[in-house]
Amino acid sequence: MYWRGVALLIVAALLSGCETERNGLDYSAMVQKIGPPRAGQSRIVVLREKGYAGITDPGWDVRLDGGPMAELKTGTYVYVDRASGQHQLSATAALFPGVSQRDISTQSGRTYFFLARPSDRAKVLGGMSAAGGVAGLLVGAAVTSGNSNPGPLDFFPLEEDAARATIAELRLVQ
């Protein structure tokens, strides 16, 4: 019994010392390394603010035109260069009844920044499931079924100055 307690104490000490700071390139280093978008292309950057992510941070499944970008975790950003024109950002979540979608139009040589945050529906469903379990989740899904965004995330466009101030503290998803 004594050794079991010692083993649990060691495991708890190791887990409490886990790295919580993200590593990867900051935005200015990334731009210096790869430069601006090539001719005929635009850059789309999606970022997730720093904040407490809880015990686990599974990441958000963000997609551009149906193809995966990367799992966006707390305190990170992801970017992709695409041909200018019409595109669609989308997001899904496991066991979440709906898909977030945002249509965007891009111009050659420009960078577009989007801040990803949980949607109002995601907040309600999270609260209802915490308070009422599966029954609360079902009731919450029925109550929020008419929301304008049925998915887990909202994508907020950011002006370049505001985006650069926000993204300065974030790291590139690896």
C-alpha atoms as a PDB file:
ATOM      1  CA  MET A   1       0.000   0.000   0.000  1.00  0.00           C
ATOM      2  CA  TYR A   2       2.873   2.350   0.809  1.00  0.00           C
ATOM      3  CA  TRP A   3       4.545   1.855  -2.587  1.00  0.00           C
ATOM      4  CA  ARG A   4       1.280   2.458  -4.402  1.00  0.00           C
ATOM      5  CA  GLY A   5       1.001   5.835  -2.663  1.00  0.00           C
ATOM      6  CA  VAL A   6       4.595   6.693  -3.536  1.00  0.00           C
ATOM      7  CA  ALA A   7       4.005   5.734  -7.179  1.00  0.00           C
ATOM      8  CA  LEU A   8       0.869   7.883  -7.350  1.00  0.00           C
ATOM      9  CA  LEU A   9       2.744  10.805  -5.795  1.00  0.00           C
ATOM     10  CA  ILE A  10       5.515  10.507  -8.385  1.00  0.00           C
ATOM     11  CA  VAL A  11       3.000  10.368 -11.252  1.00  0.00           C
ATOM     12  CA  ALA A  12       1.184  13.416  -9.861  1.00  0.00           C
ATOM     13  CA  ALA A  13       4.469  15.335  -9.589  1.00  0.00           C
ATOM     14  CA  LEU A  14       5.393  14.461 -13.180  1.00  0.00           C
ATOM     15  CA  LEU A  15       2.005  15.495 -14.517  1.00  0.00           C
ATOM     16  CA  SER A  16       1.989  18.788 -12.644  1.00  0.00           C
ATOM     17  CA  GLY A  17       5.331  19.673 -14.208  1.00  0.00           C
ATOM     18  CA  CYS A  18       4.084  19.236 -17.785  1.00  0.00           C
ATOM     19  CA  GLU A  19       4.806  21.970 -20.269  1.00  0.00           C
ATOM     20  CA  THR A  20       1.843  24.308 -20.704  1.00  0.00           C
ATOM     21  CA  GLU A  21       3.535  26.863 -22.949  1.00  0.00           C
ATOM     22  CA  ARG A  22       3.222  26.139 -26.660  1.00  0.00           C
ATOM     23  CA  ASN A  23       6.357  25.987 -28.742  1.00  0.00           C
ATOM     24  CA  GLY A  24       6.725  26.807 -32.407  1.00  0.00           C
ATOM     25  CA  LEU A  25       7.439  29.878 -34.493  1.00  0.00           C
ATOM     26  CA  ASP A  26       5.932  33.170 -33.481  1.00  0.00           C
ATOM     27  CA  TYR A  27       4.195  35.020 -36.302  1.00  0.00           C
ATOM     28  CA  SER A  28       6.943  37.549 -37.062  1.00  0.00           C
ATOM     29  CA  ALA A  29       9.565  34.764 -37.302  1.00  0.00           C
ATOM     30  CA  MET A  30       7.275  32.756 -39.567  1.00  0.00           C
ATOM     31  CA  VAL A  31       6.718  35.738 -41.904  1.00  0.00           C
ATOM     32  CA  GLN A  32      10.470  36.410 -42.046  1.00  0.00           C
ATOM     33  CA  LYS A  33      11.133  32.765 -42.851  1.00  0.00           C
ATOM     34  CA  ILE A  34       8.550  32.243 -45.615  1.00  0.00           C
ATOM     35  CA  GLY A  35       7.842  35.808 -46.771  1.00  0.00           C
ATOM     36  CA  PRO A  36       4.562  37.163 -48.126  1.00  0.00           C
ATOM     37  CA  PRO A  37       2.082  35.099 -50.163  1.00  0.00           C
ATOM     38  CA  ARG A  38       3.237  34.351 -53.704  1.00  0.00           C
ATOM     39  CA  ALA A  39       1.671  36.101 -56.695  1.00  0.00           C
ATOM     40  CA  GLY A  40      -1.907  34.970 -57.248  1.00  0.00           C
ATOM     41  CA  GLN A  41      -2.221  33.634 -53.710  1.00  0.00           C
ATOM     42  CA  SER A  42      -3.537  34.922 -50.412  1.00  0.00           C
ATOM     43  CA  ARG A  43      -2.748  33.824 -46.867  1.00  0.00           C
ATOM     44  CA  ILE A  44      -5.454  32.774 -44.416  1.00  0.00           C
ATOM     45  CA  VAL A  45      -4.463  32.744 -40.737  1.00  0.00           C
ATOM     46  CA  VAL A  46      -6.709  31.293 -38.023  1.00  0.00           C
ATOM     47  CA  LEU A  47      -5.747  31.886 -34.424  1.00  0.00           C
ATOM     48  CA  ARG A  48      -6.895  30.766 -30.997  1.00  0.00           C
ATOM     49  CA  GLU A  49      -6.192  32.991 -28.031  1.00  0.00           C
ATOM     50  CA  LYS A  50      -4.238  31.971 -24.981  1.00  0.00           C
ATOM     51  CA  GLY A  51      -6.267  30.821 -22.030  1.00  0.00           C
ATOM     52  CA  TYR A  52      -6.698  27.965 -19.657  1.00  0.00           C
ATOM     53  CA  ALA A  53      -7.331  24.862 -21.725  1.00  0.00           C
ATOM     54  CA  GLY A  54      -8.161  22.532 -18.863  1.00  0.00           C
ATOM     55  CA  ILE A  55      -6.471  19.231 -18.217  1.00  0.00           C
ATOM     56  CA  THR A  56      -6.518  18.273 -21.887  1.00  0.00           C
ATOM     57  CA  ASP A  57      -6.569  20.467 -24.960  1.00  0.00           C
ATOM     58  CA  PRO A  58      -7.812  18.293 -27.811  1.00  0.00           C
ATOM     59  CA  GLY A  59      -7.623  21.094 -30.359  1.00  0.00           C
ATOM     60  CA  TRP A  60     -10.263  22.312 -32.773  1.00  0.00           C
ATOM     61  CA  ASP A  61     -10.659  20.710 -36.188  1.00  0.00           C
ATOM     62  CA  VAL A  62     -10.449  23.725 -38.515  1.00  0.00           C
ATOM     63  CA  ARG A  63     -10.743  23.175 -42.259  1.00  0.00           C
ATOM     64  CA  LEU A  64     -10.366  25.298 -45.352  1.00  0.00           C
ATOM     65  CA  ASP A  65     -12.392  24.238 -48.384  1.00  0.00           C
ATOM     66  CA  GLY A  66     -12.982  20.866 -46.712  1.00  0.00           C
ATOM     67  CA  GLY A  67      -9.280  20.080 -46.292  1.00  0.00           C
ATOM     68  CA  PRO A  68      -7.695  20.040 -42.836  1.00  0.00           C
ATOM     69  CA  MET A  69      -5.528  22.955 -41.738  1.00  0.00           C
ATOM     70  CA  ALA A  70      -4.369  21.607 -38.354  1.00  0.00           C
ATOM     71  CA  GLU A  71      -5.705  21.032 -34.873  1.00  0.00           C
ATOM     72  CA  LEU A  72      -5.892  24.516 -33.428  1.00  0.00           C
ATOM     73  CA  LYS A  73      -4.928  24.396 -29.765  1.00  0.00           C
ATOM     74  CA  THR A  74      -5.002  27.096 -27.122  1.00  0.00           C
ATOM     75  CA  GLY A  75      -2.362  29.761 -27.771  1.00  0.00           C
ATOM     76  CA  THR A  76      -1.626  28.741 -31.360  1.00  0.00           C
ATOM     77  CA  TYR A  77      -2.278  29.817 -34.923  1.00  0.00           C
ATOM     78  CA  VAL A  78      -2.352  28.030 -38.252  1.00  0.00           C
ATOM     79  CA  TYR A  79      -1.995  29.439 -41.741  1.00  0.00           C
ATOM     80  CA  VAL A  80      -2.364  28.305 -45.309  1.00  0.00           C
ATOM     81  CA  ASP A  81      -1.650  29.986 -48.639  1.00  0.00           C
ATOM     82  CA  ARG A  82      -4.303  29.452 -51.306  1.00  0.00           C
ATOM     83  CA  ALA A  83      -5.151  30.863 -54.709  1.00  0.00           C
ATOM     84  CA  SER A  84      -7.145  34.046 -54.329  1.00  0.00           C
ATOM     85  CA  GLY A  85     -10.906  33.739 -54.722  1.00  0.00           C
ATOM     86  CA  GLN A  86     -13.792  32.171 -52.816  1.00  0.00           C
ATOM     87  CA  HIS A  87     -13.040  29.887 -49.869  1.00  0.00           C
ATOM     88  CA  GLN A  88     -14.863  28.388 -46.912  1.00  0.00           C
ATOM     89  CA  LEU A  89     -13.607  28.011 -43.344  1.00  0.00           C
ATOM     90  CA  SER A  90     -15.359  25.267 -41.416  1.00  0.00           C
ATOM     91  CA  ALA A  91     -15.091  23.479 -38.094  1.00  0.00           C
ATOM     92  CA  THR A  92     -16.517  20.335 -36.548  1.00  0.00           C
ATOM     93  CA  ALA A  93     -16.207  18.747 -33.145  1.00  0.00           C
ATOM     94  CA  ALA A  94     -16.635  15.182 -31.975  1.00  0.00           C
ATOM     95  CA  LEU A  95     -20.152  14.546 -30.658  1.00  0.00           C
ATOM     96  CA  PHE A  96     -21.230  18.071 -31.623  1.00  0.00           C
ATOM     97  CA  PRO A  97     -24.418  18.311 -33.693  1.00  0.00           C
ATOM     98  CA  GLY A  98     -23.474  20.805 -36.380  1.00  0.00           C
ATOM     99  CA  VAL A  99     -20.796  22.377 -38.560  1.00  0.00           C
ATOM    100  CA  SER A 100     -19.503  25.952 -38.422  1.00  0.00           C
ATOM    101  CA  GLN A 101     -19.004  27.564 -41.822  1.00  0.00           C
ATOM    102  CA  ARG A 102     -17.792  30.971 -42.962  1.00  0.00           C
ATOM    103  CA  ASP A 103     -17.482  31.926 -46.612  1.00  0.00           C
ATOM    104  CA  ILE A 104     -14.638  34.291 -47.438  1.00  0.00           C
ATOM    105  CA  SER A 105     -13.373  36.036 -50.525  1.00  0.00           C
ATOM    106  CA  THR A 106      -9.643  36.697 -50.799  1.00  0.00           C
ATOM    107  CA  GLN A 107      -7.474  38.905 -53.004  1.00  0.00           C
ATOM    108  CA  SER A 108      -4.004  38.158 -54.283  1.00  0.00           C
ATOM    109  CA  GLY A 109      -1.110  39.122 -52.000  1.00  0.00           C
ATOM    110  CA  ARG A 110      -3.241  39.827 -48.932  1.00  0.00           C
ATOM    111  CA  THR A 111      -3.310  38.126 -45.542  1.00  0.00           C
ATOM    112  CA  TYR A 112      -6.633  37.470 -43.809  1.00  0.00           C
ATOM    113  CA  PHE A 113      -6.820  36.862 -40.064  1.00  0.00           C
ATOM    114  CA  PHE A 114      -9.634  35.050 -38.259  1.00  0.00           C
ATOM    115  CA  LEU A 115     -10.056  34.563 -34.527  1.00  0.00           C
ATOM    116  CA  ALA A 116     -11.721  31.247 -33.648  1.00  0.00           C
ATOM    117  CA  ARG A 117     -13.878  31.167 -30.529  1.00  0.00           C
ATOM    118  CA  PRO A 118     -16.539  28.786 -29.223  1.00  0.00           C
ATOM    119  CA  SER A 119     -19.952  29.605 -30.685  1.00  0.00           C
ATOM    120  CA  ASP A 120     -22.927  30.593 -28.551  1.00  0.00           C
ATOM    121  CA  ARG A 121     -24.430  27.185 -29.247  1.00  0.00           C
ATOM    122  CA  ALA A 122     -21.265  25.430 -28.054  1.00  0.00           C
ATOM    123  CA  LYS A 123     -21.331  27.426 -24.820  1.00  0.00           C
ATOM    124  CA  VAL A 124     -24.992  26.572 -24.175  1.00  0.00           C
ATOM    125  CA  LEU A 125     -24.517  22.891 -24.972  1.00  0.00           C
ATOM    126  CA  GLY A 126     -21.441  22.710 -22.748  1.00  0.00           C
ATOM    127  CA  GLY A 127     -23.316  24.266 -19.843  1.00  0.00           C
ATOM    128  CA  MET A 128     -26.413  22.132 -20.353  1.00  0.00           C
ATOM    129  CA  SER A 129     -24.410  18.906 -20.538  1.00  0.00           C
ATOM    130  CA  ALA A 130     -22.412  19.848 -17.435  1.00  0.00           C
ATOM    131  CA  ALA A 131     -25.595  20.589 -15.513  1.00  0.00           C
ATOM    132  CA  GLY A 132     -27.808  17.822 -16.858  1.00  0.00           C
ATOM    133  CA  GLY A 133     -25.588  15.176 -18.416  1.00  0.00           C
ATOM    134  CA  VAL A 134     -26.876  13.499 -21.567  1.00  0.00           C
ATOM    135  CA  ALA A 135     -30.438  14.688 -20.903  1.00  0.00           C
ATOM    136  CA  GLY A 136     -29.195  18.278 -20.590  1.00  0.00           C
ATOM    137  CA  LEU A 137     -27.252  17.900 -23.822  1.00  0.00           C
ATOM    138  CA  LEU A 138     -30.344  16.638 -25.656  1.00  0.00           C
ATOM    139  CA  VAL A 139     -32.498  19.470 -24.311  1.00  0.00           C
ATOM    140  CA  GLY A 140     -29.791  22.007 -25.168  1.00  0.00           C
ATOM    141  CA  ALA A 141     -29.487  20.636 -28.708  1.00  0.00           C
ATOM    142  CA  ALA A 142     -33.241  20.984 -29.199  1.00  0.00           C
ATOM    143  CA  VAL A 143     -33.335  24.518 -27.759  1.00  0.00           C
ATOM    144  CA  THR A 144     -30.376  25.750 -29.844  1.00  0.00           C
ATOM    145  CA  SER A 145     -31.263  23.974 -33.093  1.00  0.00           C
ATOM    146  CA  GLY A 146     -32.404  27.260 -34.657  1.00  0.00           C
ATOM    147  CA  ASN A 147     -29.170  29.183 -33.986  1.00  0.00           C
ATOM    148  CA  SER A 148     -27.665  31.000 -36.956  1.00  0.00           C
ATOM    149  CA  ASN A 149     -24.410  29.077 -36.450  1.00  0.00           C
ATOM    150  CA  PRO A 150     -25.136  25.393 -35.785  1.00  0.00           C
ATOM    151  CA  GLY A 151     -21.452  24.537 -35.318  1.00  0.00           C
ATOM    152  CA  PRO A 152     -18.928  24.618 -32.488  1.00  0.00           C
ATOM    153  CA  LEU A 153     -16.914  27.711 -33.521  1.00  0.00           C
ATOM    154  CA  ASP A 154     -17.334  31.269 -34.707  1.00  0.00           C
ATOM    155  CA  PHE A 155     -14.709  32.803 -36.998  1.00  0.00           C
ATOM    156  CA  PHE A 156     -14.269  36.528 -36.379  1.00  0.00           C
ATOM    157  CA  PRO A 157     -12.326  38.518 -38.996  1.00  0.00           C
ATOM    158  CA  LEU A 158      -9.600  40.718 -37.517  1.00  0.00           C
ATOM    159  CA  GLU A 159      -8.039  43.867 -38.891  1.00  0.00           C
ATOM    160  CA  GLU A 160      -4.325  43.434 -39.531  1.00  0.00           C
ATOM    161  CA  ASP A 161      -3.158  45.721 -36.689  1.00  0.00           C
ATOM    162  CA  ALA A 162      -5.388  44.002 -34.107  1.00  0.00           C
ATOM    163  CA  ALA A 163      -4.428  40.582 -35.436  1.00  0.00           C
ATOM    164  CA  ARG A 164      -0.699  41.286 -35.222  1.00  0.00           C
ATOM    165  CA  ALA A 165      -1.082  42.462 -31.618  1.00  0.00           C
ATOM    166  CA  THR A 166      -3.059  39.328 -30.694  1.00  0.00           C
ATOM    167  CA  ILE A 167      -0.913  36.871 -32.624  1.00  0.00           C
ATOM    168  CA  ALA A 168       2.377  38.193 -31.183  1.00  0.00           C
ATOM    169  CA  GLU A 169       1.926  35.922 -28.133  1.00  0.00           C
ATOM    170  CA  LEU A 170       0.872  32.815 -30.073  1.00  0.00           C
ATOM    171  CA  ARG A 171       2.867  29.990 -31.627  1.00  0.00           C
ATOM    172  CA  LEU A 172       2.541  28.140 -34.930  1.00  0.00           C
ATOM    173  CA  VAL A 173       0.824  24.753 -34.713  1.00  0.00           C
ATOM    174  CA  GLN A 174       3.392  22.008 -35.207  1.00  0.00           C
END
